[in-house]
Amino acid sequence: MSLVLIATDDYTLYGIIAAEVESLGHEAMWAAEGMEALQSAEAKPVDLALLDTRLATFSGFEVC
């Protein structure tokens, strides 16, 4: 099972993506802003990060 980090400030969008990720047998993790995405990835390495380009604190581009 892979861990997928989904970073978006839109919880509805997270729910849609997470449902699909989980239906494929993977684990989804949510971050609402760029700094949270960085901290989450440092605490628990992820296999894939889906990043919104317009996040608070850091954009998805800056997180990369």
C-alpha atoms as a PDB file:
ATOM      1  CA  MET A   1       0.000   0.000   0.000  1.00  0.00           C
ATOM      2  CA  SER A   2       1.282   3.446  -0.928  1.00  0.00           C
ATOM      3  CA  LEU A   3       0.838   6.668   1.012  1.00  0.00           C
ATOM      4  CA  VAL A   4      -0.502   9.610  -0.994  1.00  0.00           C
ATOM      5  CA  LEU A   5      -0.264  13.136   0.403  1.00  0.00           C
ATOM      6  CA  ILE A   6      -3.048  15.376  -0.896  1.00  0.00           C
ATOM      7  CA  ALA A   7      -2.339  19.041  -0.200  1.00  0.00           C
ATOM      8  CA  THR A   8      -5.277  21.333  -0.856  1.00  0.00           C
ATOM      9  CA  ASP A   9      -7.212  23.904   1.122  1.00  0.00           C
ATOM     10  CA  ASP A  10     -10.462  22.575  -0.385  1.00  0.00           C
ATOM     11  CA  TYR A  11     -11.653  19.766   1.888  1.00  0.00           C
ATOM     12  CA  THR A  12     -14.366  18.735  -0.567  1.00  0.00           C
ATOM     13  CA  LEU A  13     -11.765  18.224  -3.279  1.00  0.00           C
ATOM     14  CA  TYR A  14      -9.616  16.266  -0.825  1.00  0.00           C
ATOM     15  CA  GLY A  15     -12.575  14.000  -0.069  1.00  0.00           C
ATOM     16  CA  ILE A  16     -13.150  13.248  -3.748  1.00  0.00           C
ATOM     17  CA  ILE A  17      -9.488  12.494  -4.450  1.00  0.00           C
ATOM     18  CA  ALA A  18      -9.022  10.548  -1.201  1.00  0.00           C
ATOM     19  CA  ALA A  19     -12.027   8.333  -1.973  1.00  0.00           C
ATOM     20  CA  GLU A  20     -10.515   7.399  -5.336  1.00  0.00           C
ATOM     21  CA  VAL A  21      -7.034   6.849  -3.871  1.00  0.00           C
ATOM     22  CA  GLU A  22      -8.436   4.639  -1.112  1.00  0.00           C
ATOM     23  CA  SER A  23     -10.641   2.692  -3.545  1.00  0.00           C
ATOM     24  CA  LEU A  24      -7.420   1.719  -5.316  1.00  0.00           C
ATOM     25  CA  GLY A  25      -6.013   0.311  -2.067  1.00  0.00           C
ATOM     26  CA  HIS A  26      -3.788   3.204  -1.035  1.00  0.00           C
ATOM     27  CA  GLU A  27      -3.741   5.422   2.049  1.00  0.00           C
ATOM     28  CA  ALA A  28      -4.553   9.143   1.729  1.00  0.00           C
ATOM     29  CA  MET A  29      -3.207  11.893   3.966  1.00  0.00           C
ATOM     30  CA  TRP A  30      -4.459  15.499   3.920  1.00  0.00           C
ATOM     31  CA  ALA A  31      -2.562  18.769   4.361  1.00  0.00           C
ATOM     32  CA  ALA A  32      -4.435  22.079   4.184  1.00  0.00           C
ATOM     33  CA  GLU A  33      -1.428  24.317   3.526  1.00  0.00           C
ATOM     34  CA  GLY A  34       2.121  24.184   2.228  1.00  0.00           C
ATOM     35  CA  MET A  35       3.929  24.186   5.566  1.00  0.00           C
ATOM     36  CA  GLU A  36       1.700  21.390   6.824  1.00  0.00           C
ATOM     37  CA  ALA A  37       2.469  19.386   3.662  1.00  0.00           C
ATOM     38  CA  LEU A  38       6.216  19.760   4.270  1.00  0.00           C
ATOM     39  CA  GLN A  39       5.923  18.774   7.914  1.00  0.00           C
ATOM     40  CA  SER A  40       3.718  15.790   7.113  1.00  0.00           C
ATOM     41  CA  ALA A  41       6.107  14.519   4.438  1.00  0.00           C
ATOM     42  CA  GLU A  42       9.075  14.898   6.787  1.00  0.00           C
ATOM     43  CA  ALA A  43       7.286  13.046   9.593  1.00  0.00           C
ATOM     44  CA  LYS A  44       6.055  10.215   7.387  1.00  0.00           C
ATOM     45  CA  PRO A  45       7.619   9.805   3.931  1.00  0.00           C
ATOM     46  CA  VAL A  46       5.051   9.650   1.137  1.00  0.00           C
ATOM     47  CA  ASP A  47       5.062   7.744  -2.135  1.00  0.00           C
ATOM     48  CA  LEU A  48       3.149  10.405  -4.060  1.00  0.00           C
ATOM     49  CA  ALA A  49       2.277  14.038  -3.329  1.00  0.00           C
ATOM     50  CA  LEU A  50      -0.600  15.765  -5.100  1.00  0.00           C
ATOM     51  CA  LEU A  51      -0.134  19.479  -4.476  1.00  0.00           C
ATOM     52  CA  ASP A  52      -2.454  22.407  -5.090  1.00  0.00           C
ATOM     53  CA  THR A  53      -0.471  25.214  -6.711  1.00  0.00           C
ATOM     54  CA  ARG A  54      -2.157  27.869  -4.559  1.00  0.00           C
ATOM     55  CA  LEU A  55      -1.686  26.947  -0.919  1.00  0.00           C
ATOM     56  CA  ALA A  56      -1.196  29.135   2.135  1.00  0.00           C
ATOM     57  CA  THR A  57       2.374  29.580   3.476  1.00  0.00           C
ATOM     58  CA  PHE A  58       3.998  27.741   0.513  1.00  0.00           C
ATOM     59  CA  SER A  59       2.581  26.982  -2.909  1.00  0.00           C
ATOM     60  CA  GLY A  60       2.661  23.468  -4.295  1.00  0.00           C
ATOM     61  CA  PHE A  61       5.603  24.545  -6.432  1.00  0.00           C
ATOM     62  CA  GLU A  62       7.546  25.713  -3.368  1.00  0.00           C
ATOM     63  CA  VAL A  63       6.785  22.495  -1.496  1.00  0.00           C
ATOM     64  CA  CYS A  64       8.483  20.521  -4.292  1.00  0.00           C
END
